[in-house]
Amino acid sequence: MMQWLRRSFIAGFFITVPLVISVAALVWIFGIIDGFTAPLAARVLRREVPGLGIVITMLVVLAIGAVATNVIGRRLVARAESWLMRVPVFRTVYAPVKQLVVAFSPDNEYGFKRVVMVEDPHRGTIMGFLTKEFTVDRGRGPEPLMSVYVPTNHLYLGDVVVYPAERAFFPDLTVEEGIRIFLTGGMSMPGRITKREET
């Protein structure tokens, strides 16, 4: 009973915290931007415009994203992050949330973003996300290995398993399809899976 309570609490914690942080961050950003723009918009337009704060918030987030995707903007963001990561409380919350978001970001083609199926002698064929390809030399020359993240609870919790690279099979599944398969417990698995052609 205690083990079930502990496991359920940890699972709920890791599901709830990123969600609450994301919602709180959006509400906080909206409040700041709306607090600045609402009086200005009312003065310029001579009336209050419902929803204007949400539109401006989205435009600000879009502008930040556009700046962060170019070379100079990327350097500025990296410098700002390095300063903020020196703050103990901020570092504790920001680092894991960012790692989770970046791992499943559409711009990240590798890491968690590549679906892989592996033949496991004990568990059969498992599906997960390739997180790293590396080599290990145990005196017989370099052996290509890969670490695979296998979600076990709503993508936030899972196992990291290391397999020989020759056991890997990369299915022709998009990242969205792979995530959907895990979230639906396999019910959205396509009827036929083929090998992805490497480019």
N, C-alpha and C. Protein backbone atom coordinates (compact mmCIF):
# COMPACT_ATOMS: atom_id res chain seq x y z
N MET A 1 0.83 -1.21 0.00
CA MET A 1 0.00 0.00 0.00
C MET A 1 0.86 1.26 0.00
N MET A 2 1.87 1.29 0.87
CA MET A 2 2.76 2.45 0.95
C MET A 2 3.53 2.64 -0.34
N GLN A 3 3.94 1.53 -0.97
CA GLN A 3 4.67 1.62 -2.22
C GLN A 3 3.78 2.20 -3.32
N TRP A 4 2.50 1.76 -3.35
CA TRP A 4 1.56 2.28 -4.34
C TRP A 4 1.32 3.77 -4.12
N LEU A 5 1.15 4.17 -2.85
CA LEU A 5 0.94 5.58 -2.54
C LEU A 5 2.15 6.41 -2.95
N ARG A 6 3.34 5.89 -2.65
CA ARG A 6 4.57 6.62 -3.00
C ARG A 6 4.69 6.76 -4.52
N ARG A 7 4.48 5.66 -5.25
CA ARG A 7 4.61 5.69 -6.70
C ARG A 7 3.57 6.62 -7.33
N SER A 8 2.34 6.57 -6.83
CA SER A 8 1.27 7.42 -7.36
C SER A 8 1.55 8.89 -7.06
N PHE A 9 2.05 9.16 -5.86
CA PHE A 9 2.34 10.55 -5.51
C PHE A 9 3.45 11.12 -6.39
N ILE A 10 4.52 10.35 -6.58
CA ILE A 10 5.64 10.81 -7.41
C ILE A 10 5.18 11.03 -8.85
N ALA A 11 4.37 10.09 -9.37
CA ALA A 11 3.86 10.24 -10.74
C ALA A 11 3.00 11.49 -10.85
N GLY A 12 2.10 11.68 -9.88
CA GLY A 12 1.25 12.87 -9.89
C GLY A 12 2.04 14.16 -9.76
N PHE A 13 3.09 14.11 -8.95
CA PHE A 13 3.93 15.29 -8.76
C PHE A 13 4.58 15.70 -10.08
N PHE A 14 5.18 14.73 -10.78
CA PHE A 14 5.89 15.05 -12.02
C PHE A 14 4.96 15.40 -13.16
N ILE A 15 3.70 15.00 -13.06
CA ILE A 15 2.72 15.41 -14.07
C ILE A 15 2.18 16.80 -13.76
N THR A 16 1.93 17.06 -12.47
CA THR A 16 1.30 18.31 -12.06
C THR A 16 2.25 19.50 -12.12
N VAL A 17 3.48 19.32 -11.65
CA VAL A 17 4.41 20.44 -11.54
C VAL A 17 4.69 21.12 -12.89
N PRO A 18 5.07 20.39 -13.96
CA PRO A 18 5.29 21.09 -15.24
C PRO A 18 4.04 21.79 -15.75
N LEU A 19 2.86 21.18 -15.51
CA LEU A 19 1.61 21.80 -15.97
C LEU A 19 1.33 23.08 -15.21
N VAL A 20 1.47 23.03 -13.88
CA VAL A 20 1.21 24.21 -13.06
C VAL A 20 2.21 25.32 -13.37
N ILE A 21 3.48 24.96 -13.54
CA ILE A 21 4.50 25.96 -13.85
C ILE A 21 4.22 26.62 -15.18
N SER A 22 3.83 25.82 -16.19
CA SER A 22 3.55 26.37 -17.52
C SER A 22 2.36 27.33 -17.47
N VAL A 23 1.27 26.91 -16.80
CA VAL A 23 0.08 27.76 -16.71
C VAL A 23 0.38 29.03 -15.91
N ALA A 24 1.09 28.87 -14.78
CA ALA A 24 1.42 30.03 -13.95
C ALA A 24 2.31 31.01 -14.71
N ALA A 25 3.25 30.47 -15.50
CA ALA A 25 4.14 31.34 -16.28
C ALA A 25 3.35 32.13 -17.32
N LEU A 26 2.42 31.46 -18.01
CA LEU A 26 1.60 32.15 -19.01
C LEU A 26 0.73 33.23 -18.38
N VAL A 27 0.12 32.89 -17.23
CA VAL A 27 -0.73 33.87 -16.54
C VAL A 27 0.11 35.06 -16.06
N TRP A 28 1.30 34.76 -15.56
CA TRP A 28 2.19 35.83 -15.08
C TRP A 28 2.63 36.74 -16.22
N ILE A 29 3.04 36.14 -17.34
CA ILE A 29 3.47 36.94 -18.50
C ILE A 29 2.30 37.77 -19.02
N PHE A 30 1.12 37.15 -19.11
CA PHE A 30 -0.06 37.87 -19.58
C PHE A 30 -0.37 39.05 -18.66
N GLY A 31 -0.28 38.82 -17.35
CA GLY A 31 -0.57 39.89 -16.39
C GLY A 31 0.37 41.07 -16.54
N ILE A 32 1.67 40.77 -16.73
CA ILE A 32 2.65 41.85 -16.88
C ILE A 32 2.40 42.65 -18.16
N ILE A 33 2.26 41.92 -19.28
CA ILE A 33 2.09 42.61 -20.55
C ILE A 33 0.76 43.35 -20.60
N ASP A 34 -0.30 42.71 -20.10
CA ASP A 34 -1.61 43.36 -20.10
C ASP A 34 -1.61 44.58 -19.20
N GLY A 35 -0.87 44.52 -18.08
CA GLY A 35 -0.79 45.67 -17.20
C GLY A 35 -0.14 46.88 -17.85
N PHE A 36 0.81 46.63 -18.76
CA PHE A 36 1.46 47.72 -19.48
C PHE A 36 0.63 48.20 -20.65
N THR A 37 0.06 47.26 -21.39
CA THR A 37 -0.58 47.62 -22.66
C THR A 37 -2.02 48.08 -22.52
N ALA A 38 -2.76 47.56 -21.52
CA ALA A 38 -4.18 47.91 -21.40
C ALA A 38 -4.40 49.41 -21.24
N PRO A 39 -3.70 50.09 -20.31
CA PRO A 39 -3.90 51.54 -20.19
C PRO A 39 -3.48 52.29 -21.45
N LEU A 40 -2.38 51.85 -22.07
CA LEU A 40 -1.91 52.51 -23.28
C LEU A 40 -2.90 52.34 -24.42
N ALA A 41 -3.42 51.11 -24.58
CA ALA A 41 -4.39 50.86 -25.64
C ALA A 41 -5.68 51.64 -25.40
N ALA A 42 -6.12 51.73 -24.13
CA ALA A 42 -7.34 52.48 -23.82
C ALA A 42 -7.15 53.97 -24.11
N ARG A 43 -5.92 54.46 -23.89
CA ARG A 43 -5.65 55.88 -24.15
C ARG A 43 -5.60 56.15 -25.65
N VAL A 44 -4.98 55.22 -26.41
CA VAL A 44 -4.84 55.42 -27.85
C VAL A 44 -6.16 55.19 -28.58
N LEU A 45 -6.83 54.09 -28.24
CA LEU A 45 -8.08 53.73 -28.92
C LEU A 45 -9.30 54.37 -28.28
N ARG A 46 -9.10 54.99 -27.10
CA ARG A 46 -10.17 55.66 -26.36
C ARG A 46 -11.29 54.71 -25.93
N ARG A 47 -10.96 53.44 -25.86
CA ARG A 47 -11.90 52.45 -25.32
C ARG A 47 -11.13 51.17 -25.03
N GLU A 48 -11.67 50.34 -24.14
CA GLU A 48 -11.04 49.07 -23.81
C GLU A 48 -11.38 48.03 -24.87
N VAL A 49 -10.37 47.26 -25.27
CA VAL A 49 -10.56 46.22 -26.29
C VAL A 49 -10.40 44.86 -25.63
N PRO A 50 -11.48 44.08 -25.49
CA PRO A 50 -11.37 42.75 -24.86
C PRO A 50 -10.46 41.83 -25.68
N GLY A 51 -9.57 41.13 -24.97
CA GLY A 51 -8.69 40.17 -25.65
C GLY A 51 -7.42 40.78 -26.23
N LEU A 52 -7.29 42.11 -26.14
CA LEU A 52 -6.10 42.74 -26.71
C LEU A 52 -4.84 42.30 -25.98
N GLY A 53 -4.93 42.13 -24.67
CA GLY A 53 -3.76 41.68 -23.89
C GLY A 53 -3.28 40.31 -24.32
N ILE A 54 -4.23 39.39 -24.64
CA ILE A 54 -3.84 38.05 -25.08
C ILE A 54 -3.13 38.12 -26.42
N VAL A 55 -3.65 38.94 -27.34
CA VAL A 55 -3.04 39.09 -28.66
C VAL A 55 -1.63 39.66 -28.54
N ILE A 56 -1.47 40.68 -27.71
CA ILE A 56 -0.16 41.30 -27.53
C ILE A 56 0.80 40.33 -26.88
N THR A 57 0.31 39.54 -25.89
CA THR A 57 1.16 38.53 -25.25
C THR A 57 1.67 37.52 -26.28
N MET A 58 0.79 37.06 -27.16
CA MET A 58 1.20 36.11 -28.20
C MET A 58 2.21 36.73 -29.15
N LEU A 59 2.01 37.99 -29.49
CA LEU A 59 2.95 38.67 -30.38
C LEU A 59 4.32 38.84 -29.73
N VAL A 60 4.32 39.13 -28.43
CA VAL A 60 5.59 39.26 -27.70
C VAL A 60 6.33 37.93 -27.66
N VAL A 61 5.59 36.84 -27.34
CA VAL A 61 6.21 35.50 -27.32
C VAL A 61 6.74 35.14 -28.70
N LEU A 62 5.96 35.47 -29.76
CA LEU A 62 6.40 35.21 -31.14
C LEU A 62 7.66 36.00 -31.47
N ALA A 63 7.71 37.27 -31.04
CA ALA A 63 8.89 38.10 -31.31
C ALA A 63 10.12 37.56 -30.59
N ILE A 64 9.94 37.12 -29.34
CA ILE A 64 11.06 36.54 -28.59
C ILE A 64 11.56 35.28 -29.28
N GLY A 65 10.63 34.45 -29.76
CA GLY A 65 11.01 33.24 -30.48
C GLY A 65 11.77 33.55 -31.75
N ALA A 66 11.33 34.59 -32.48
CA ALA A 66 12.00 34.98 -33.71
C ALA A 66 13.42 35.47 -33.44
N VAL A 67 13.57 36.24 -32.34
CA VAL A 67 14.91 36.74 -31.98
C VAL A 67 15.80 35.58 -31.53
N ALA A 68 15.23 34.65 -30.76
CA ALA A 68 16.03 33.54 -30.21
C ALA A 68 16.48 32.55 -31.25
N THR A 69 15.88 32.57 -32.45
CA THR A 69 16.26 31.60 -33.49
C THR A 69 17.40 32.09 -34.37
N ASN A 70 17.78 33.36 -34.27
CA ASN A 70 18.94 33.80 -35.06
C ASN A 70 20.20 33.73 -34.21
N VAL A 71 21.34 33.91 -34.84
CA VAL A 71 22.62 33.68 -34.18
C VAL A 71 22.83 34.63 -33.00
N ILE A 72 22.60 35.91 -33.20
CA ILE A 72 22.83 36.89 -32.14
C ILE A 72 21.85 36.67 -31.00
N GLY A 73 20.58 36.44 -31.35
CA GLY A 73 19.57 36.20 -30.32
C GLY A 73 19.87 34.97 -29.50
N ARG A 74 20.39 33.92 -30.17
CA ARG A 74 20.72 32.69 -29.46
C ARG A 74 21.82 32.94 -28.43
N ARG A 75 22.79 33.76 -28.81
CA ARG A 75 23.87 34.09 -27.88
C ARG A 75 23.36 34.89 -26.70
N LEU A 76 22.45 35.83 -26.97
CA LEU A 76 21.89 36.64 -25.88
C LEU A 76 21.09 35.78 -24.91
N VAL A 77 20.30 34.85 -25.46
CA VAL A 77 19.50 33.96 -24.61
C VAL A 77 20.41 33.06 -23.78
N ALA A 78 21.48 32.55 -24.41
CA ALA A 78 22.42 31.68 -23.68
C ALA A 78 23.10 32.44 -22.56
N ARG A 79 23.48 33.71 -22.83
CA ARG A 79 24.13 34.52 -21.79
C ARG A 79 23.16 34.80 -20.64
N ALA A 80 21.91 35.14 -20.97
CA ALA A 80 20.92 35.42 -19.92
C ALA A 80 20.65 34.16 -19.09
N GLU A 81 20.57 33.01 -19.77
CA GLU A 81 20.34 31.75 -19.04
C GLU A 81 21.50 31.43 -18.11
N SER A 82 22.73 31.69 -18.57
CA SER A 82 23.89 31.39 -17.72
C SER A 82 23.87 32.24 -16.45
N TRP A 83 23.40 33.48 -16.56
CA TRP A 83 23.29 34.33 -15.37
C TRP A 83 22.18 33.83 -14.44
N LEU A 84 21.01 33.52 -15.05
CA LEU A 84 19.88 33.08 -14.24
C LEU A 84 20.13 31.73 -13.57
N MET A 85 20.92 30.88 -14.22
CA MET A 85 21.19 29.55 -13.66
C MET A 85 22.05 29.62 -12.40
N ARG A 86 22.60 30.79 -12.10
CA ARG A 86 23.37 30.96 -10.87
C ARG A 86 22.46 31.17 -9.66
N VAL A 87 21.18 31.44 -9.91
CA VAL A 87 20.22 31.61 -8.81
C VAL A 87 19.74 30.23 -8.39
N PRO A 88 20.00 29.81 -7.13
CA PRO A 88 19.72 28.43 -6.71
C PRO A 88 18.28 27.98 -6.94
N VAL A 89 17.30 28.75 -6.47
CA VAL A 89 15.89 28.34 -6.58
C VAL A 89 15.47 28.29 -8.04
N PHE A 90 15.84 29.31 -8.80
CA PHE A 90 15.49 29.35 -10.22
C PHE A 90 16.10 28.17 -10.96
N ARG A 91 17.35 27.85 -10.66
CA ARG A 91 18.03 26.74 -11.33
C ARG A 91 17.33 25.42 -11.06
N THR A 92 16.87 25.22 -9.82
CA THR A 92 16.22 23.97 -9.45
C THR A 92 14.93 23.74 -10.23
N VAL A 93 14.18 24.80 -10.48
CA VAL A 93 12.91 24.67 -11.19
C VAL A 93 13.09 24.75 -12.70
N TYR A 94 13.89 25.71 -13.14
CA TYR A 94 14.01 26.00 -14.58
C TYR A 94 14.70 24.89 -15.35
N ALA A 95 15.78 24.34 -14.81
CA ALA A 95 16.58 23.35 -15.55
C ALA A 95 15.78 22.12 -15.94
N PRO A 96 15.10 21.44 -15.00
CA PRO A 96 14.34 20.25 -15.43
C PRO A 96 13.17 20.56 -16.34
N VAL A 97 12.49 21.71 -16.11
CA VAL A 97 11.37 22.07 -16.98
C VAL A 97 11.86 22.34 -18.39
N LYS A 98 12.98 23.04 -18.52
CA LYS A 98 13.51 23.33 -19.85
C LYS A 98 13.96 22.05 -20.54
N GLN A 99 14.61 21.15 -19.81
CA GLN A 99 15.05 19.89 -20.42
C GLN A 99 13.87 19.11 -20.95
N LEU A 100 12.77 19.10 -20.20
CA LEU A 100 11.59 18.37 -20.65
C LEU A 100 10.98 19.01 -21.89
N VAL A 101 10.89 20.35 -21.89
CA VAL A 101 10.30 21.05 -23.03
C VAL A 101 11.17 20.90 -24.26
N VAL A 102 12.50 21.07 -24.10
CA VAL A 102 13.41 20.95 -25.23
C VAL A 102 13.41 19.54 -25.78
N ALA A 103 13.30 18.55 -24.90
CA ALA A 103 13.32 17.16 -25.36
C ALA A 103 12.19 16.86 -26.32
N PHE A 104 11.02 17.47 -26.09
CA PHE A 104 9.87 17.21 -26.95
C PHE A 104 9.55 18.39 -27.85
N SER A 105 10.53 19.25 -28.06
CA SER A 105 10.33 20.39 -28.95
C SER A 105 10.33 19.93 -30.40
N PRO A 106 9.47 20.51 -31.25
CA PRO A 106 9.45 20.11 -32.66
C PRO A 106 10.74 20.42 -33.39
N ASP A 107 11.54 21.36 -32.88
CA ASP A 107 12.80 21.71 -33.53
C ASP A 107 13.92 20.74 -33.21
N ASN A 108 13.71 19.88 -32.24
CA ASN A 108 14.75 18.94 -31.83
C ASN A 108 14.50 17.61 -32.53
N GLU A 109 15.18 17.38 -33.64
CA GLU A 109 14.94 16.18 -34.45
C GLU A 109 15.48 14.93 -33.76
N TYR A 110 16.57 15.08 -33.00
CA TYR A 110 17.14 13.93 -32.32
C TYR A 110 16.85 14.02 -30.83
N GLY A 111 17.64 13.35 -30.00
CA GLY A 111 17.29 13.30 -28.59
C GLY A 111 16.02 12.49 -28.43
N PHE A 112 15.03 13.03 -27.74
CA PHE A 112 13.77 12.34 -27.54
C PHE A 112 12.91 12.35 -28.79
N LYS A 113 13.34 13.02 -29.83
CA LYS A 113 12.46 13.26 -30.95
C LYS A 113 12.53 12.20 -32.03
N ARG A 114 13.29 11.16 -31.85
CA ARG A 114 13.36 10.10 -32.85
C ARG A 114 12.80 8.81 -32.27
N VAL A 115 11.78 8.29 -32.89
CA VAL A 115 11.16 7.07 -32.40
C VAL A 115 12.03 5.88 -32.79
N VAL A 116 12.21 4.95 -31.85
CA VAL A 116 13.03 3.77 -32.10
C VAL A 116 12.34 2.54 -31.50
N MET A 117 12.49 1.41 -32.18
CA MET A 117 12.01 0.13 -31.67
C MET A 117 13.22 -0.78 -31.53
N VAL A 118 13.29 -1.49 -30.40
CA VAL A 118 14.46 -2.31 -30.09
C VAL A 118 14.01 -3.71 -29.68
N GLU A 119 14.76 -4.70 -30.17
CA GLU A 119 14.51 -6.08 -29.76
C GLU A 119 15.19 -6.34 -28.42
N ASP A 120 14.40 -6.51 -27.39
CA ASP A 120 14.92 -6.79 -26.05
C ASP A 120 14.73 -8.27 -25.77
N PRO A 121 15.81 -9.00 -25.44
CA PRO A 121 15.68 -10.44 -25.21
C PRO A 121 14.77 -10.81 -24.05
N HIS A 122 14.55 -9.90 -23.11
CA HIS A 122 13.74 -10.19 -21.94
C HIS A 122 12.33 -9.59 -22.05
N ARG A 123 12.21 -8.47 -22.75
CA ARG A 123 10.92 -7.77 -22.78
C ARG A 123 10.26 -7.79 -24.16
N GLY A 124 10.90 -8.41 -25.13
CA GLY A 124 10.34 -8.42 -26.48
C GLY A 124 10.69 -7.12 -27.21
N THR A 125 9.87 -6.73 -28.15
CA THR A 125 10.10 -5.48 -28.89
C THR A 125 9.54 -4.32 -28.10
N ILE A 126 10.40 -3.36 -27.79
CA ILE A 126 9.95 -2.17 -27.05
C ILE A 126 10.09 -0.95 -27.95
N MET A 127 9.29 0.05 -27.65
CA MET A 127 9.35 1.31 -28.39
C MET A 127 9.71 2.43 -27.45
N GLY A 128 10.52 3.36 -27.91
CA GLY A 128 10.91 4.50 -27.10
C GLY A 128 11.46 5.61 -27.97
N PHE A 129 12.21 6.49 -27.34
CA PHE A 129 12.83 7.61 -28.05
C PHE A 129 14.35 7.53 -27.90
N LEU A 130 15.05 7.64 -29.00
CA LEU A 130 16.51 7.64 -28.98
C LEU A 130 16.98 8.93 -28.32
N THR A 131 17.83 8.80 -27.31
CA THR A 131 18.33 9.99 -26.63
C THR A 131 19.81 10.24 -26.89
N LYS A 132 20.57 9.17 -27.16
CA LYS A 132 22.01 9.36 -27.37
C LYS A 132 22.61 8.15 -28.06
N GLU A 133 23.49 8.38 -29.01
CA GLU A 133 24.29 7.32 -29.64
C GLU A 133 25.73 7.52 -29.22
N PHE A 134 26.40 6.46 -28.76
CA PHE A 134 27.76 6.58 -28.29
C PHE A 134 28.46 5.24 -28.45
N THR A 135 29.75 5.20 -28.16
CA THR A 135 30.51 3.96 -28.25
C THR A 135 31.14 3.63 -26.91
N VAL A 136 31.34 2.33 -26.68
CA VAL A 136 32.01 1.84 -25.48
C VAL A 136 33.10 0.88 -25.92
N ASP A 137 34.30 1.06 -25.36
CA ASP A 137 35.42 0.17 -25.69
C ASP A 137 35.75 -0.66 -24.45
N ARG A 138 35.46 -1.96 -24.53
CA ARG A 138 35.73 -2.87 -23.41
C ARG A 138 36.89 -3.79 -23.74
N GLY A 139 37.83 -3.28 -24.57
CA GLY A 139 39.00 -4.06 -24.94
C GLY A 139 38.85 -4.82 -26.24
N ARG A 140 37.67 -4.76 -26.84
CA ARG A 140 37.44 -5.45 -28.11
C ARG A 140 37.14 -4.47 -29.23
N GLY A 141 37.54 -3.24 -29.04
CA GLY A 141 37.24 -2.20 -30.02
C GLY A 141 35.96 -1.48 -29.67
N PRO A 142 35.70 -0.34 -30.31
CA PRO A 142 34.50 0.43 -29.98
C PRO A 142 33.21 -0.30 -30.38
N GLU A 143 32.27 -0.36 -29.43
CA GLU A 143 30.97 -0.97 -29.67
C GLU A 143 29.92 0.14 -29.73
N PRO A 144 29.19 0.26 -30.85
CA PRO A 144 28.15 1.30 -30.92
C PRO A 144 26.94 0.94 -30.06
N LEU A 145 26.61 1.84 -29.17
CA LEU A 145 25.46 1.67 -28.28
C LEU A 145 24.52 2.85 -28.42
N MET A 146 23.34 2.71 -27.85
CA MET A 146 22.40 3.82 -27.84
C MET A 146 21.57 3.77 -26.56
N SER A 147 21.27 4.95 -26.05
CA SER A 147 20.38 5.01 -24.89
C SER A 147 18.98 5.35 -25.39
N VAL A 148 18.01 4.60 -24.89
CA VAL A 148 16.62 4.75 -25.31
C VAL A 148 15.78 5.11 -24.10
N TYR A 149 15.00 6.17 -24.25
CA TYR A 149 14.08 6.58 -23.19
C TYR A 149 12.72 5.94 -23.46
N VAL A 150 12.28 5.13 -22.51
CA VAL A 150 11.00 4.42 -22.65
C VAL A 150 10.02 5.00 -21.64
N PRO A 151 9.09 5.85 -22.07
CA PRO A 151 8.13 6.43 -21.13
C PRO A 151 7.28 5.36 -20.47
N THR A 152 7.04 5.52 -19.18
CA THR A 152 6.21 4.58 -18.45
C THR A 152 5.03 5.26 -17.78
N ASN A 153 5.01 6.61 -17.79
CA ASN A 153 3.92 7.30 -17.14
C ASN A 153 3.74 8.69 -17.74
N HIS A 154 2.86 8.81 -18.72
CA HIS A 154 2.51 10.10 -19.31
C HIS A 154 3.72 10.89 -19.81
N LEU A 155 4.75 10.23 -20.31
CA LEU A 155 5.95 10.82 -20.90
C LEU A 155 6.88 11.46 -19.88
N TYR A 156 6.39 11.83 -18.69
CA TYR A 156 7.23 12.53 -17.72
C TYR A 156 8.14 11.58 -16.95
N LEU A 157 7.70 10.34 -16.79
CA LEU A 157 8.51 9.35 -16.08
C LEU A 157 8.80 8.21 -17.03
N GLY A 158 9.96 7.61 -16.89
CA GLY A 158 10.29 6.49 -17.76
C GLY A 158 11.62 5.88 -17.40
N ASP A 159 12.04 4.92 -18.21
CA ASP A 159 13.30 4.22 -18.01
C ASP A 159 14.26 4.60 -19.13
N VAL A 160 15.54 4.70 -18.78
CA VAL A 160 16.60 4.90 -19.77
C VAL A 160 17.33 3.57 -19.89
N VAL A 161 17.28 2.95 -21.06
CA VAL A 161 17.86 1.63 -21.28
C VAL A 161 18.90 1.75 -22.39
N VAL A 162 20.05 1.08 -22.18
CA VAL A 162 21.13 1.11 -23.18
C VAL A 162 21.12 -0.20 -23.96
N TYR A 163 21.13 -0.08 -25.30
CA TYR A 163 21.08 -1.25 -26.17
C TYR A 163 22.18 -1.16 -27.22
N PRO A 164 22.64 -2.32 -27.75
CA PRO A 164 23.52 -2.32 -28.91
C PRO A 164 22.80 -1.70 -30.10
N ALA A 165 23.53 -0.93 -30.89
CA ALA A 165 22.91 -0.20 -31.99
C ALA A 165 22.31 -1.13 -33.04
N GLU A 166 22.87 -2.35 -33.20
CA GLU A 166 22.35 -3.23 -34.24
C GLU A 166 20.95 -3.76 -33.94
N ARG A 167 20.51 -3.62 -32.70
CA ARG A 167 19.16 -4.09 -32.36
C ARG A 167 18.09 -3.05 -32.70
N ALA A 168 18.51 -1.86 -33.10
CA ALA A 168 17.57 -0.76 -33.30
C ALA A 168 16.87 -0.86 -34.65
N PHE A 169 15.63 -0.47 -34.64
CA PHE A 169 14.82 -0.35 -35.84
C PHE A 169 14.08 0.97 -35.76
N PHE A 170 14.29 1.83 -36.74
CA PHE A 170 13.66 3.15 -36.72
C PHE A 170 12.38 3.12 -37.57
N PRO A 171 11.22 3.11 -36.92
CA PRO A 171 9.97 3.02 -37.68
C PRO A 171 9.63 4.34 -38.36
N ASP A 172 8.80 4.23 -39.37
CA ASP A 172 8.37 5.41 -40.11
C ASP A 172 7.21 6.07 -39.35
N LEU A 173 7.54 6.58 -38.16
CA LEU A 173 6.56 7.26 -37.31
C LEU A 173 7.07 8.66 -36.99
N THR A 174 6.19 9.62 -37.06
CA THR A 174 6.57 10.97 -36.67
C THR A 174 6.64 11.06 -35.15
N VAL A 175 7.23 12.12 -34.68
CA VAL A 175 7.32 12.33 -33.24
C VAL A 175 5.93 12.43 -32.62
N GLU A 176 5.03 13.17 -33.27
CA GLU A 176 3.68 13.32 -32.76
C GLU A 176 2.98 11.97 -32.66
N GLU A 177 3.18 11.12 -33.67
CA GLU A 177 2.57 9.79 -33.64
C GLU A 177 3.13 8.95 -32.49
N GLY A 178 4.45 9.05 -32.28
CA GLY A 178 5.06 8.31 -31.18
C GLY A 178 4.53 8.74 -29.83
N ILE A 179 4.41 10.05 -29.62
CA ILE A 179 3.88 10.56 -28.36
C ILE A 179 2.43 10.14 -28.19
N ARG A 180 1.65 10.20 -29.29
CA ARG A 180 0.24 9.81 -29.21
C ARG A 180 0.09 8.34 -28.84
N ILE A 181 0.99 7.50 -29.37
CA ILE A 181 0.94 6.07 -29.06
C ILE A 181 1.13 5.84 -27.56
N PHE A 182 2.08 6.56 -26.95
CA PHE A 182 2.32 6.40 -25.52
C PHE A 182 1.15 6.94 -24.70
N LEU A 183 0.63 8.09 -25.12
CA LEU A 183 -0.46 8.71 -24.36
C LEU A 183 -1.75 7.90 -24.42
N THR A 184 -1.94 7.13 -25.50
CA THR A 184 -3.16 6.32 -25.63
C THR A 184 -2.94 4.88 -25.24
N GLY A 185 -1.78 4.58 -24.67
CA GLY A 185 -1.52 3.21 -24.25
C GLY A 185 -1.39 2.24 -25.42
N GLY A 186 -1.00 2.75 -26.59
CA GLY A 186 -0.81 1.90 -27.76
C GLY A 186 -2.02 1.79 -28.66
N MET A 187 -3.15 2.39 -28.25
CA MET A 187 -4.37 2.26 -29.05
C MET A 187 -4.28 2.98 -30.39
N SER A 188 -3.41 4.01 -30.48
CA SER A 188 -3.27 4.74 -31.74
C SER A 188 -2.15 4.18 -32.62
N MET A 189 -1.64 3.00 -32.29
CA MET A 189 -0.61 2.37 -33.09
C MET A 189 -1.17 2.07 -34.48
N PRO A 190 -0.44 2.47 -35.55
CA PRO A 190 -0.93 2.19 -36.90
C PRO A 190 -0.96 0.70 -37.19
N GLY A 191 -1.80 0.31 -38.15
CA GLY A 191 -1.93 -1.09 -38.49
C GLY A 191 -0.71 -1.69 -39.15
N ARG A 192 0.10 -0.85 -39.78
CA ARG A 192 1.30 -1.33 -40.46
C ARG A 192 2.43 -0.33 -40.23
N ILE A 193 3.57 -0.84 -39.77
CA ILE A 193 4.74 0.01 -39.51
C ILE A 193 5.86 -0.42 -40.43
N THR A 194 6.49 0.53 -41.10
CA THR A 194 7.60 0.23 -41.98
C THR A 194 8.85 0.94 -41.50
N LYS A 195 10.00 0.52 -42.02
CA LYS A 195 11.26 1.12 -41.63
C LYS A 195 11.41 2.49 -42.28
N ARG A 196 11.88 3.43 -41.50
CA ARG A 196 12.11 4.77 -42.04
C ARG A 196 13.34 4.78 -42.91
N GLU A 197 13.22 5.35 -44.08
CA GLU A 197 14.35 5.47 -44.98
C GLU A 197 15.27 6.58 -44.49
N GLU A 198 16.55 6.24 -44.27
CA GLU A 198 17.52 7.22 -43.79
C GLU A 198 17.91 8.12 -44.95
N THR A 199 18.00 9.45 -44.65
CA THR A 199 18.38 10.41 -45.66
C THR A 199 19.80 10.89 -45.44
